[in-house]
Amino acid sequence: MTKIISNTMYGNKFCATITATESDSFIVSNEYATFKAKKALSCLIEPKIYDTVILYKKDETNIYITDVLERAGSSVIEIIAKDGLNIKTQNGDLNLLSDTNISLNASESLNGFADEANIVIAQVSFLAKIVSFKSKTLNVIASAYQGAIDNFHMKSQSVTRHVDGHEELQCNSSRKIVKESDIYNVNESIIVAKGQVKIDADQINMG
């Protein structure tokens, strides 16, 4: 005999405690019996051992866990959707709030689509093997920028750079290839070389 909590027109509901897991089912028991039960589709929280749950008895062979009432200890609540999960809001915003951390992990790809994105972060650490970035307009305003890159390759049709203050480049070696013309318009130019300075040209015009 099973202890009945309430009667419905479809069957009976009762309380039990999960004692073990077996394949895709749970072993639950109360003071009257021990039996197998499956998680109902509407039960979003993944049940764990020692959880107190409500079960729905459809018939003698089909018993479902519909709700998780209590958990013996403190643990992370899991929502597992085997065939995918969509969360959609139609007339309002969707907010994810956390007092500590928010993690997004994907085995294959992570996609985000929006007409406008505003991200305010105090500190960013970005690690990637391959980055493909396409933008019609990119505006970057930074009071300080520090970057360490092993290999950097950029291909652009047109690049315009304005530096109001001081610009300095330090490197072991440098090479620049210009197919057409290279024009410098400066008030003063100083070249300091410890070794040899070589200019190889078909024609040199000075003055």
Protein backbone atom coordinates (compact mmCIF):
# COMPACT_ATOMS: atom_id res chain seq x y z
CA MET A 1 0.00 0.00 0.00
CA THR A 2 1.27 3.49 -0.86
CA LYS A 3 0.69 6.56 1.26
CA ILE A 4 -1.59 8.88 -0.72
CA ILE A 5 -1.20 12.67 -0.54
CA SER A 6 -3.94 13.64 -2.96
CA ASN A 7 -6.19 12.05 -5.54
CA THR A 8 -6.57 13.32 -9.06
CA MET A 9 -8.75 12.18 -11.89
CA TYR A 10 -5.65 10.74 -13.59
CA GLY A 11 -4.04 8.87 -10.69
CA ASN A 12 -2.36 9.32 -7.35
CA LYS A 13 0.40 11.54 -5.99
CA PHE A 14 2.64 10.65 -3.06
CA CYS A 15 5.94 11.53 -1.40
CA ALA A 16 9.12 9.46 -1.44
CA THR A 17 12.89 9.78 -1.12
CA ILE A 18 15.39 8.98 -3.85
CA THR A 19 17.79 6.31 -2.66
CA ALA A 20 19.68 5.41 -5.86
CA THR A 21 19.85 5.89 -9.62
CA GLU A 22 19.61 3.19 -12.26
CA SER A 23 20.14 3.95 -15.96
CA ASP A 24 17.47 6.54 -16.87
CA SER A 25 15.34 5.95 -13.77
CA PHE A 26 15.48 6.59 -10.02
CA ILE A 27 14.98 4.22 -7.11
CA VAL A 28 12.61 5.86 -4.64
CA SER A 29 11.16 4.63 -1.41
CA ASN A 30 8.90 5.63 1.46
CA GLU A 31 7.72 3.88 4.60
CA TYR A 32 5.51 1.54 2.55
CA ALA A 33 7.39 0.51 -0.61
CA THR A 34 10.39 0.86 -2.92
CA PHE A 35 9.96 1.28 -6.66
CA LYS A 36 11.37 2.82 -9.85
CA ALA A 37 10.38 6.21 -11.16
CA LYS A 38 11.26 8.40 -14.13
CA LYS A 39 11.65 12.15 -14.20
CA ALA A 40 8.60 13.86 -15.67
CA LEU A 41 9.15 16.24 -18.57
CA SER A 42 7.78 19.13 -16.48
CA CYS A 43 10.30 18.50 -13.65
CA LEU A 44 13.06 20.89 -14.70
CA ILE A 45 15.32 20.41 -11.68
CA GLU A 46 17.44 17.29 -11.96
CA PRO A 47 16.70 15.06 -8.92
CA LYS A 48 19.57 13.77 -6.79
CA ILE A 49 19.96 10.99 -4.26
CA TYR A 50 18.32 11.74 -0.88
CA ASP A 51 15.99 14.32 -2.42
CA THR A 52 12.41 14.31 -1.20
CA VAL A 53 10.17 14.28 -4.27
CA ILE A 54 6.54 14.12 -5.30
CA LEU A 55 5.61 11.27 -7.62
CA TYR A 56 2.67 10.70 -9.91
CA LYS A 57 1.47 7.13 -10.45
CA LYS A 58 0.06 6.85 -13.95
CA ASP A 59 -0.39 3.08 -13.74
CA GLU A 60 1.30 0.08 -12.16
CA THR A 61 4.42 0.35 -14.36
CA ASN A 62 4.73 4.11 -14.99
CA ILE A 63 5.61 6.36 -12.04
CA TYR A 64 6.99 9.86 -12.59
CA ILE A 65 8.84 12.39 -10.43
CA THR A 66 6.97 15.67 -10.89
CA ASP A 67 8.58 17.93 -8.26
CA VAL A 68 11.61 18.14 -6.01
CA LEU A 69 10.46 19.23 -2.56
CA GLU A 70 13.58 19.19 -0.41
CA ARG A 71 17.29 18.52 -0.68
CA ALA A 72 19.21 17.06 2.22
CA GLY A 73 22.38 19.07 1.60
CA SER A 74 23.41 22.17 -0.31
CA SER A 75 24.38 21.53 -3.93
CA VAL A 76 24.15 23.22 -7.29
CA ILE A 77 20.71 22.96 -8.91
CA GLU A 78 20.90 21.42 -12.39
CA ILE A 79 18.49 21.75 -15.30
CA ILE A 80 19.20 19.05 -17.90
CA ALA A 81 17.40 19.11 -21.25
CA LYS A 82 18.46 16.13 -23.39
CA ASP A 83 16.89 17.42 -26.61
CA GLY A 84 17.73 21.11 -26.22
CA LEU A 85 16.34 24.05 -24.25
CA ASN A 86 14.99 27.38 -25.50
CA ILE A 87 14.25 30.29 -23.15
CA LYS A 88 12.23 33.01 -24.85
CA THR A 89 10.74 36.31 -23.70
CA GLN A 90 8.34 38.16 -25.96
CA ASN A 91 7.39 41.41 -24.21
CA GLY A 92 10.15 41.83 -21.64
CA ASP A 93 13.85 41.47 -20.94
CA LEU A 94 15.78 38.36 -19.98
CA ASN A 95 18.16 38.97 -17.07
CA LEU A 96 20.82 36.63 -15.71
CA LEU A 97 22.07 37.73 -12.29
CA SER A 98 24.78 36.18 -10.15
CA ASP A 99 26.53 37.35 -6.99
CA THR A 100 29.74 35.58 -8.08
CA ASN A 101 30.35 34.11 -11.54
CA ILE A 102 28.46 33.38 -14.77
CA SER A 103 29.99 30.72 -17.03
CA LEU A 104 29.08 29.84 -20.61
CA ASN A 105 30.51 26.58 -21.96
CA ALA A 106 29.85 25.01 -25.35
CA SER A 107 31.47 21.91 -26.87
CA GLU A 108 31.05 23.15 -30.45
CA SER A 109 30.13 26.82 -30.89
CA LEU A 110 28.91 29.84 -28.93
CA ASN A 111 26.76 32.28 -30.91
CA GLY A 112 25.29 35.66 -30.03
CA PHE A 113 23.08 37.86 -32.24
CA ALA A 114 21.83 41.36 -31.44
CA ASP A 115 21.16 44.68 -33.17
CA GLU A 116 23.08 46.45 -30.41
CA ALA A 117 25.36 45.20 -27.65
CA ASN A 118 26.62 47.11 -24.61
CA ILE A 119 29.18 45.37 -22.41
CA VAL A 120 30.80 47.03 -19.40
CA ILE A 121 33.56 44.97 -17.79
CA ALA A 122 36.25 46.14 -15.38
CA GLN A 123 38.79 43.51 -16.45
CA VAL A 124 38.85 41.12 -19.43
CA SER A 125 41.01 38.06 -20.08
CA PHE A 126 40.48 36.67 -23.59
CA LEU A 127 42.16 33.46 -24.80
CA ALA A 128 41.58 32.05 -28.27
CA LYS A 129 43.40 29.87 -30.81
CA ILE A 130 41.81 31.41 -33.91
CA VAL A 131 39.88 34.70 -34.06
CA SER A 132 37.92 35.90 -37.08
CA PHE A 133 36.63 39.45 -36.65
CA LYS A 134 34.58 41.38 -39.21
CA SER A 135 33.23 44.87 -38.60
CA LYS A 136 32.12 47.74 -40.79
CA THR A 137 32.92 50.29 -38.10
CA LEU A 138 35.10 49.74 -35.05
CA ASN A 139 35.51 52.44 -32.42
CA VAL A 140 37.91 51.66 -29.59
CA ILE A 141 38.50 54.15 -26.76
CA ALA A 142 41.02 53.06 -24.15
CA SER A 143 43.02 55.00 -21.59
CA ALA A 144 45.62 52.21 -21.56
CA TYR A 145 46.09 49.22 -23.83
CA GLN A 146 48.59 46.41 -23.23
CA GLY A 147 48.86 43.43 -25.54
CA ALA A 148 51.24 40.48 -25.91
CA ILE A 149 50.85 38.61 -29.21
CA ASP A 150 53.07 35.85 -30.58
CA ASN A 151 52.00 36.33 -34.20
CA PHE A 152 49.76 39.09 -35.55
CA HIS A 153 48.58 39.34 -39.15
CA MET A 154 46.19 42.03 -40.38
CA LYS A 155 44.88 42.49 -43.90
CA SER A 156 42.96 45.70 -44.60
CA GLN A 157 41.89 47.65 -47.65
CA SER A 158 42.35 51.01 -45.96
CA VAL A 159 43.67 52.00 -42.53
CA THR A 160 43.69 55.53 -41.08
CA ARG A 161 45.36 56.13 -37.73
CA HIS A 162 45.45 59.35 -35.71
CA VAL A 163 47.67 59.73 -32.66
CA ASP A 164 47.33 63.00 -30.75
CA GLY A 165 50.24 62.32 -28.43
CA HIS A 166 53.41 60.22 -28.57
CA GLU A 167 53.72 56.99 -30.56
CA GLU A 168 56.62 54.60 -30.03
CA LEU A 169 57.48 51.26 -31.64
CA GLN A 170 60.09 48.90 -30.19
CA CYS A 171 61.02 45.66 -31.94
CA ASN A 172 64.00 43.44 -32.80
CA SER A 173 63.50 43.83 -36.54
CA SER A 174 61.08 45.65 -38.82
CA ARG A 175 60.22 45.37 -42.52
CA LYS A 176 57.75 47.38 -44.56
CA ILE A 177 56.84 46.68 -48.19
CA VAL A 178 55.03 49.43 -50.12
CA LYS A 179 54.04 48.59 -53.71
CA GLU A 180 53.36 52.15 -54.88
CA SER A 181 54.32 55.20 -52.83
CA ASP A 182 55.37 55.94 -49.26
CA ILE A 183 54.99 59.58 -48.18
CA TYR A 184 56.19 61.15 -44.92
CA ASN A 185 55.10 64.69 -44.06
CA VAL A 186 56.87 65.73 -40.86
CA ASN A 187 58.26 68.88 -39.28
CA GLU A 188 61.44 67.15 -38.16
CA SER A 189 62.87 63.67 -38.75
CA ILE A 190 65.81 62.10 -36.91
CA ILE A 191 67.38 58.77 -37.78
CA VAL A 192 69.79 57.24 -35.25
CA ALA A 193 71.59 54.08 -36.34
CA LYS A 194 74.42 52.31 -34.52
CA GLY A 195 75.36 50.39 -37.65
CA GLN A 196 75.00 50.95 -41.37
CA VAL A 197 72.32 53.03 -43.08
CA LYS A 198 71.70 51.91 -46.67
CA ILE A 199 69.44 53.48 -49.28
CA ASP A 200 68.99 51.46 -52.50
CA ALA A 201 67.03 53.37 -55.14
CA ASP A 202 67.02 53.98 -58.89
CA GLN A 203 66.76 57.72 -58.30
CA ILE A 204 67.05 59.97 -55.26
CA ASN A 205 65.69 63.54 -55.31
CA MET A 206 66.59 65.85 -52.42
CA GLY A 207 65.57 69.46 -52.04
